[in-house]
Amino acid sequence: MSEPLSPERAIYGGYLRVRLPVRLTMMGILWTPVLAFGMGAFRSHIALSLAAVAAAVAAGALTRAIAVPLWRRWAYAGVADIAELKRQAIAGRLIFPDGHWITRLELAPPALSAELARLEAAQAGRMIGG
């Protein structure tokens, strides 16, 4: 069996698997009007500017809502201490605390939600059982 993933490495993976796709998605949407209409697109088309910003925020939120549960599955399966991972990920502003309203926006199919719950329960059983 391979060595467990350190929380620090899992969080670095989270930056690559969550933050990077969110930022690239948002930048891609924001740069589309610039590439289509030139550098003055945002100054001369205020409605286009507002629409691009709103679309970028919505697309970033959707990307995050999909990426976070997938990162959790990868990280939970690899780390030895999920509680420590969560503490460090919250401190690094990668995720929000359990029960926070933003965590309710995460999009995970039922099978993925069940797998995350199973991984957390297995971790809790190992911690209690010694």
N, C-alpha and C. Protein backbone atom coordinates (compact mmCIF):
# COMPACT_ATOMS: atom_id res chain seq x y z
N MET A 1 0.83 -1.18 0.00
CA MET A 1 0.00 0.00 0.00
C MET A 1 0.88 1.25 0.00
N SER A 2 0.45 2.26 -0.70
CA SER A 2 1.25 3.48 -0.79
C SER A 2 1.10 4.33 0.47
N GLU A 3 2.05 5.21 0.65
CA GLU A 3 2.06 6.10 1.80
C GLU A 3 0.89 7.09 1.69
N PRO A 4 0.25 7.43 2.83
CA PRO A 4 -0.87 8.38 2.78
C PRO A 4 -0.42 9.76 2.28
N LEU A 5 -1.34 10.43 1.67
CA LEU A 5 -1.12 11.78 1.16
C LEU A 5 -1.11 12.76 2.33
N SER A 6 -0.16 13.68 2.35
CA SER A 6 -0.14 14.68 3.43
C SER A 6 -1.24 15.71 3.16
N PRO A 7 -1.81 16.30 4.22
CA PRO A 7 -2.82 17.34 4.01
C PRO A 7 -2.31 18.50 3.16
N GLU A 8 -1.04 18.86 3.33
CA GLU A 8 -0.47 19.96 2.56
C GLU A 8 -0.47 19.64 1.06
N ARG A 9 -0.10 18.40 0.74
CA ARG A 9 -0.07 17.99 -0.67
C ARG A 9 -1.49 17.91 -1.24
N ALA A 10 -2.43 17.45 -0.43
CA ALA A 10 -3.83 17.37 -0.86
C ALA A 10 -4.39 18.77 -1.12
N ILE A 11 -4.01 19.73 -0.29
CA ILE A 11 -4.48 21.10 -0.48
C ILE A 11 -3.84 21.70 -1.73
N TYR A 12 -2.57 21.42 -1.96
CA TYR A 12 -1.94 21.86 -3.20
C TYR A 12 -2.68 21.28 -4.41
N GLY A 13 -3.04 20.00 -4.30
CA GLY A 13 -3.85 19.38 -5.34
C GLY A 13 -5.19 20.05 -5.49
N GLY A 14 -5.75 20.53 -4.37
CA GLY A 14 -7.01 21.26 -4.41
C GLY A 14 -6.89 22.58 -5.13
N TYR A 15 -5.77 23.25 -4.94
CA TYR A 15 -5.55 24.50 -5.68
C TYR A 15 -5.52 24.22 -7.18
N LEU A 16 -4.90 23.10 -7.56
CA LEU A 16 -4.82 22.76 -8.98
C LEU A 16 -6.14 22.23 -9.52
N ARG A 17 -6.91 21.52 -8.70
CA ARG A 17 -8.14 20.90 -9.14
C ARG A 17 -9.38 21.76 -8.95
N VAL A 18 -9.29 22.77 -8.10
CA VAL A 18 -10.46 23.62 -7.85
C VAL A 18 -10.18 25.06 -8.27
N ARG A 19 -9.23 25.69 -7.63
CA ARG A 19 -9.00 27.11 -7.89
C ARG A 19 -8.55 27.41 -9.32
N LEU A 20 -7.65 26.61 -9.84
CA LEU A 20 -7.14 26.86 -11.19
C LEU A 20 -8.26 26.76 -12.24
N PRO A 21 -9.08 25.69 -12.25
CA PRO A 21 -10.17 25.65 -13.22
C PRO A 21 -11.18 26.79 -13.05
N VAL A 22 -11.46 27.18 -11.81
CA VAL A 22 -12.39 28.29 -11.59
C VAL A 22 -11.83 29.57 -12.19
N ARG A 23 -10.58 29.85 -11.92
CA ARG A 23 -9.98 31.09 -12.44
C ARG A 23 -9.85 31.07 -13.96
N LEU A 24 -9.48 29.94 -14.52
CA LEU A 24 -9.38 29.85 -15.97
C LEU A 24 -10.74 30.01 -16.64
N THR A 25 -11.77 29.45 -16.04
CA THR A 25 -13.14 29.61 -16.57
C THR A 25 -13.55 31.07 -16.54
N MET A 26 -13.33 31.71 -15.42
CA MET A 26 -13.72 33.12 -15.29
C MET A 26 -12.91 34.00 -16.25
N MET A 27 -11.62 33.76 -16.34
CA MET A 27 -10.79 34.58 -17.23
C MET A 27 -11.18 34.36 -18.69
N GLY A 28 -11.50 33.12 -19.05
CA GLY A 28 -11.92 32.84 -20.41
C GLY A 28 -13.18 33.61 -20.79
N ILE A 29 -14.12 33.68 -19.87
CA ILE A 29 -15.36 34.41 -20.14
C ILE A 29 -15.10 35.91 -20.19
N LEU A 30 -14.29 36.40 -19.30
CA LEU A 30 -14.00 37.84 -19.28
C LEU A 30 -13.18 38.28 -20.49
N TRP A 31 -12.33 37.42 -21.00
CA TRP A 31 -11.50 37.79 -22.14
C TRP A 31 -12.21 37.63 -23.49
N THR A 32 -13.31 36.89 -23.53
CA THR A 32 -14.01 36.69 -24.80
C THR A 32 -14.45 38.00 -25.44
N PRO A 33 -15.09 38.94 -24.70
CA PRO A 33 -15.44 40.21 -25.35
C PRO A 33 -14.22 41.00 -25.81
N VAL A 34 -13.15 40.93 -25.06
CA VAL A 34 -11.93 41.65 -25.44
C VAL A 34 -11.39 41.09 -26.76
N LEU A 35 -11.38 39.78 -26.87
CA LEU A 35 -10.88 39.16 -28.10
C LEU A 35 -11.82 39.42 -29.28
N ALA A 36 -13.11 39.48 -28.99
CA ALA A 36 -14.09 39.69 -30.07
C ALA A 36 -14.19 41.15 -30.50
N PHE A 37 -14.15 42.08 -29.54
CA PHE A 37 -14.41 43.48 -29.85
C PHE A 37 -13.23 44.42 -29.61
N GLY A 38 -12.12 43.90 -29.15
CA GLY A 38 -10.95 44.73 -28.92
C GLY A 38 -10.83 45.16 -27.47
N MET A 39 -9.73 45.83 -27.16
CA MET A 39 -9.43 46.22 -25.78
C MET A 39 -10.43 47.23 -25.21
N GLY A 40 -11.10 47.97 -26.06
CA GLY A 40 -12.05 48.96 -25.57
C GLY A 40 -13.44 48.42 -25.34
N ALA A 41 -13.61 47.10 -25.44
CA ALA A 41 -14.94 46.49 -25.34
C ALA A 41 -15.62 46.83 -24.02
N PHE A 42 -14.91 46.77 -22.93
CA PHE A 42 -15.53 47.00 -21.63
C PHE A 42 -15.82 48.48 -21.38
N ARG A 43 -15.03 49.37 -21.97
CA ARG A 43 -15.27 50.79 -21.79
C ARG A 43 -16.45 51.28 -22.62
N SER A 44 -16.60 50.75 -23.83
CA SER A 44 -17.63 51.27 -24.73
C SER A 44 -18.95 50.51 -24.66
N HIS A 45 -18.97 49.34 -24.08
CA HIS A 45 -20.19 48.52 -24.01
C HIS A 45 -20.43 48.13 -22.55
N ILE A 46 -21.07 49.02 -21.78
CA ILE A 46 -21.26 48.77 -20.35
C ILE A 46 -22.16 47.56 -20.12
N ALA A 47 -23.18 47.38 -20.96
CA ALA A 47 -24.06 46.22 -20.80
C ALA A 47 -23.29 44.93 -21.06
N LEU A 48 -22.42 44.95 -22.04
CA LEU A 48 -21.59 43.78 -22.33
C LEU A 48 -20.65 43.51 -21.16
N SER A 49 -20.13 44.56 -20.58
CA SER A 49 -19.23 44.42 -19.44
C SER A 49 -19.95 43.76 -18.26
N LEU A 50 -21.11 44.26 -17.94
CA LEU A 50 -21.87 43.71 -16.82
C LEU A 50 -22.29 42.26 -17.09
N ALA A 51 -22.69 41.99 -18.33
CA ALA A 51 -23.09 40.63 -18.69
C ALA A 51 -21.89 39.67 -18.59
N ALA A 52 -20.73 40.12 -19.04
CA ALA A 52 -19.54 39.28 -18.98
C ALA A 52 -19.13 39.00 -17.54
N VAL A 53 -19.20 40.02 -16.70
CA VAL A 53 -18.84 39.82 -15.28
C VAL A 53 -19.83 38.87 -14.61
N ALA A 54 -21.13 39.07 -14.87
CA ALA A 54 -22.14 38.19 -14.28
C ALA A 54 -21.96 36.75 -14.77
N ALA A 55 -21.70 36.59 -16.06
CA ALA A 55 -21.49 35.25 -16.62
C ALA A 55 -20.24 34.61 -16.03
N ALA A 56 -19.19 35.39 -15.85
CA ALA A 56 -17.95 34.86 -15.28
C ALA A 56 -18.15 34.40 -13.84
N VAL A 57 -18.87 35.19 -13.06
CA VAL A 57 -19.14 34.81 -11.67
C VAL A 57 -19.99 33.55 -11.62
N ALA A 58 -21.03 33.49 -12.44
CA ALA A 58 -21.90 32.30 -12.47
C ALA A 58 -21.13 31.06 -12.92
N ALA A 59 -20.33 31.20 -13.96
CA ALA A 59 -19.55 30.05 -14.44
C ALA A 59 -18.50 29.62 -13.43
N GLY A 60 -17.89 30.58 -12.75
CA GLY A 60 -16.92 30.25 -11.70
C GLY A 60 -17.58 29.51 -10.55
N ALA A 61 -18.76 29.96 -10.15
CA ALA A 61 -19.48 29.30 -9.07
C ALA A 61 -19.88 27.88 -9.46
N LEU A 62 -20.33 27.71 -10.70
CA LEU A 62 -20.71 26.38 -11.17
C LEU A 62 -19.49 25.46 -11.24
N THR A 63 -18.38 25.98 -11.74
CA THR A 63 -17.16 25.19 -11.81
C THR A 63 -16.71 24.76 -10.42
N ARG A 64 -16.78 25.68 -9.47
CA ARG A 64 -16.40 25.36 -8.09
C ARG A 64 -17.35 24.33 -7.48
N ALA A 65 -18.64 24.48 -7.75
CA ALA A 65 -19.64 23.56 -7.20
C ALA A 65 -19.42 22.13 -7.69
N ILE A 66 -18.89 21.99 -8.87
CA ILE A 66 -18.61 20.66 -9.42
C ILE A 66 -17.23 20.16 -8.97
N ALA A 67 -16.25 21.04 -8.93
CA ALA A 67 -14.87 20.63 -8.65
C ALA A 67 -14.62 20.26 -7.19
N VAL A 68 -15.25 20.95 -6.26
CA VAL A 68 -14.97 20.70 -4.84
C VAL A 68 -15.32 19.28 -4.42
N PRO A 69 -16.52 18.76 -4.73
CA PRO A 69 -16.80 17.37 -4.33
C PRO A 69 -15.85 16.35 -4.97
N LEU A 70 -15.45 16.61 -6.19
CA LEU A 70 -14.50 15.70 -6.85
C LEU A 70 -13.15 15.75 -6.16
N TRP A 71 -12.71 16.95 -5.77
CA TRP A 71 -11.45 17.08 -5.03
C TRP A 71 -11.57 16.39 -3.67
N ARG A 72 -12.71 16.58 -3.01
CA ARG A 72 -12.90 15.95 -1.69
C ARG A 72 -12.74 14.43 -1.80
N ARG A 73 -13.35 13.82 -2.83
CA ARG A 73 -13.24 12.37 -3.00
C ARG A 73 -11.78 11.96 -3.16
N TRP A 74 -11.05 12.67 -4.00
CA TRP A 74 -9.64 12.36 -4.22
C TRP A 74 -8.84 12.54 -2.93
N ALA A 75 -9.05 13.67 -2.26
CA ALA A 75 -8.26 13.97 -1.06
C ALA A 75 -8.63 13.05 0.10
N TYR A 76 -9.92 12.81 0.33
CA TYR A 76 -10.34 11.96 1.45
C TYR A 76 -9.82 10.54 1.29
N ALA A 77 -9.74 10.06 0.05
CA ALA A 77 -9.26 8.71 -0.18
C ALA A 77 -7.76 8.59 0.06
N GLY A 78 -7.05 9.71 -0.01
CA GLY A 78 -5.60 9.64 0.10
C GLY A 78 -4.99 10.05 1.42
N VAL A 79 -5.69 10.87 2.20
CA VAL A 79 -5.09 11.37 3.43
C VAL A 79 -5.38 10.44 4.61
N ALA A 80 -4.53 10.53 5.61
CA ALA A 80 -4.72 9.72 6.80
C ALA A 80 -5.64 10.40 7.82
N ASP A 81 -5.73 11.73 7.79
CA ASP A 81 -6.53 12.46 8.77
C ASP A 81 -7.42 13.48 8.05
N ILE A 82 -8.67 13.12 7.82
CA ILE A 82 -9.60 13.99 7.10
C ILE A 82 -9.89 15.26 7.90
N ALA A 83 -9.98 15.14 9.22
CA ALA A 83 -10.27 16.32 10.05
C ALA A 83 -9.16 17.37 9.91
N GLU A 84 -7.92 16.93 9.91
CA GLU A 84 -6.79 17.86 9.75
C GLU A 84 -6.80 18.46 8.34
N LEU A 85 -7.11 17.64 7.35
CA LEU A 85 -7.23 18.14 5.98
C LEU A 85 -8.28 19.24 5.92
N LYS A 86 -9.44 19.00 6.52
CA LYS A 86 -10.50 20.01 6.51
C LYS A 86 -10.05 21.29 7.20
N ARG A 87 -9.38 21.16 8.34
CA ARG A 87 -8.91 22.35 9.07
C ARG A 87 -7.96 23.18 8.20
N GLN A 88 -7.03 22.51 7.56
CA GLN A 88 -6.06 23.22 6.73
C GLN A 88 -6.70 23.79 5.46
N ALA A 89 -7.64 23.05 4.89
CA ALA A 89 -8.32 23.52 3.67
C ALA A 89 -9.20 24.73 3.97
N ILE A 90 -9.81 24.76 5.13
CA ILE A 90 -10.62 25.91 5.54
C ILE A 90 -9.71 27.11 5.78
N ALA A 91 -8.59 26.86 6.47
CA ALA A 91 -7.63 27.94 6.72
C ALA A 91 -7.06 28.48 5.41
N GLY A 92 -6.85 27.60 4.43
CA GLY A 92 -6.34 28.01 3.12
C GLY A 92 -7.43 28.51 2.19
N ARG A 93 -8.64 28.64 2.68
CA ARG A 93 -9.80 29.14 1.94
C ARG A 93 -10.08 28.35 0.67
N LEU A 94 -9.83 27.05 0.75
CA LEU A 94 -10.16 26.16 -0.36
C LEU A 94 -11.59 25.66 -0.23
N ILE A 95 -12.02 25.37 0.99
CA ILE A 95 -13.39 24.93 1.26
C ILE A 95 -13.96 25.77 2.40
N PHE A 96 -15.23 25.55 2.67
CA PHE A 96 -15.89 26.24 3.78
C PHE A 96 -16.24 25.22 4.85
N PRO A 97 -16.45 25.66 6.09
CA PRO A 97 -16.77 24.71 7.17
C PRO A 97 -18.05 23.93 6.87
N ASP A 98 -18.14 22.72 7.41
CA ASP A 98 -19.34 21.91 7.26
C ASP A 98 -20.54 22.71 7.78
N GLY A 99 -21.63 22.69 7.03
CA GLY A 99 -22.83 23.41 7.42
C GLY A 99 -22.91 24.83 6.89
N HIS A 100 -21.83 25.35 6.35
CA HIS A 100 -21.85 26.70 5.77
C HIS A 100 -22.78 26.69 4.57
N TRP A 101 -23.47 27.79 4.31
CA TRP A 101 -24.45 27.81 3.22
C TRP A 101 -23.82 27.55 1.86
N ILE A 102 -22.57 27.90 1.66
CA ILE A 102 -21.93 27.66 0.36
C ILE A 102 -21.71 26.16 0.14
N THR A 103 -21.52 25.39 1.20
CA THR A 103 -21.35 23.95 1.01
C THR A 103 -22.62 23.31 0.49
N ARG A 104 -23.76 23.93 0.72
CA ARG A 104 -25.02 23.39 0.19
C ARG A 104 -25.14 23.60 -1.31
N LEU A 105 -24.29 24.45 -1.89
CA LEU A 105 -24.32 24.70 -3.32
C LEU A 105 -23.44 23.72 -4.11
N GLU A 106 -22.69 22.89 -3.41
CA GLU A 106 -21.82 21.93 -4.09
C GLU A 106 -22.69 20.88 -4.79
N LEU A 107 -22.34 20.59 -6.04
CA LEU A 107 -23.10 19.64 -6.85
C LEU A 107 -22.41 18.29 -6.86
N ALA A 108 -22.97 17.37 -6.12
CA ALA A 108 -22.42 16.01 -6.09
C ALA A 108 -23.56 15.03 -6.34
N PRO A 109 -23.38 14.13 -7.30
CA PRO A 109 -24.41 13.11 -7.50
C PRO A 109 -24.56 12.26 -6.24
N PRO A 110 -25.70 11.61 -6.07
CA PRO A 110 -25.91 10.81 -4.85
C PRO A 110 -24.82 9.78 -4.59
N ALA A 111 -24.30 9.17 -5.65
CA ALA A 111 -23.24 8.16 -5.46
C ALA A 111 -21.98 8.80 -4.89
N LEU A 112 -21.64 10.00 -5.36
CA LEU A 112 -20.46 10.70 -4.84
C LEU A 112 -20.68 11.14 -3.41
N SER A 113 -21.87 11.65 -3.10
CA SER A 113 -22.18 12.04 -1.72
C SER A 113 -22.08 10.84 -0.78
N ALA A 114 -22.58 9.69 -1.23
CA ALA A 114 -22.50 8.48 -0.41
C ALA A 114 -21.05 8.04 -0.21
N GLU A 115 -20.25 8.17 -1.26
CA GLU A 115 -18.85 7.79 -1.14
C GLU A 115 -18.10 8.71 -0.17
N LEU A 116 -18.38 10.02 -0.24
CA LEU A 116 -17.75 10.96 0.69
C LEU A 116 -18.15 10.64 2.13
N ALA A 117 -19.44 10.35 2.34
CA ALA A 117 -19.91 10.00 3.69
C ALA A 117 -19.24 8.71 4.17
N ARG A 118 -19.08 7.75 3.27
CA ARG A 118 -18.43 6.49 3.63
C ARG A 118 -16.97 6.72 4.01
N LEU A 119 -16.27 7.54 3.23
CA LEU A 119 -14.87 7.82 3.55
C LEU A 119 -14.74 8.53 4.89
N GLU A 120 -15.62 9.48 5.16
CA GLU A 120 -15.58 10.16 6.45
C GLU A 120 -15.91 9.21 7.60
N ALA A 121 -16.91 8.33 7.40
CA ALA A 121 -17.27 7.38 8.45
C ALA A 121 -16.14 6.38 8.69
N ALA A 122 -15.49 5.93 7.62
CA ALA A 122 -14.37 5.00 7.78
C ALA A 122 -13.24 5.67 8.54
N GLN A 123 -12.98 6.93 8.25
CA GLN A 123 -11.94 7.68 8.96
C GLN A 123 -12.31 7.81 10.43
N ALA A 124 -13.57 8.12 10.73
CA ALA A 124 -14.00 8.26 12.12
C ALA A 124 -13.91 6.92 12.84
N GLY A 125 -14.24 5.83 12.16
CA GLY A 125 -14.13 4.49 12.76
C GLY A 125 -12.69 4.12 13.07
N ARG A 126 -11.77 4.49 12.19
CA ARG A 126 -10.35 4.22 12.44
C ARG A 126 -9.85 5.04 13.62
N MET A 127 -10.33 6.29 13.72
CA MET A 127 -9.88 7.16 14.82
C MET A 127 -10.41 6.64 16.16
N ILE A 128 -11.66 6.17 16.17
CA ILE A 128 -12.25 5.67 17.42
C ILE A 128 -11.66 4.32 17.78
N GLY A 129 -11.50 3.47 16.76
CA GLY A 129 -11.00 2.11 17.00
C GLY A 129 -9.52 2.05 17.29
N GLY A 130 -8.83 3.13 17.07
CA GLY A 130 -7.40 3.14 17.40
C GLY A 130 -6.62 2.93 16.20
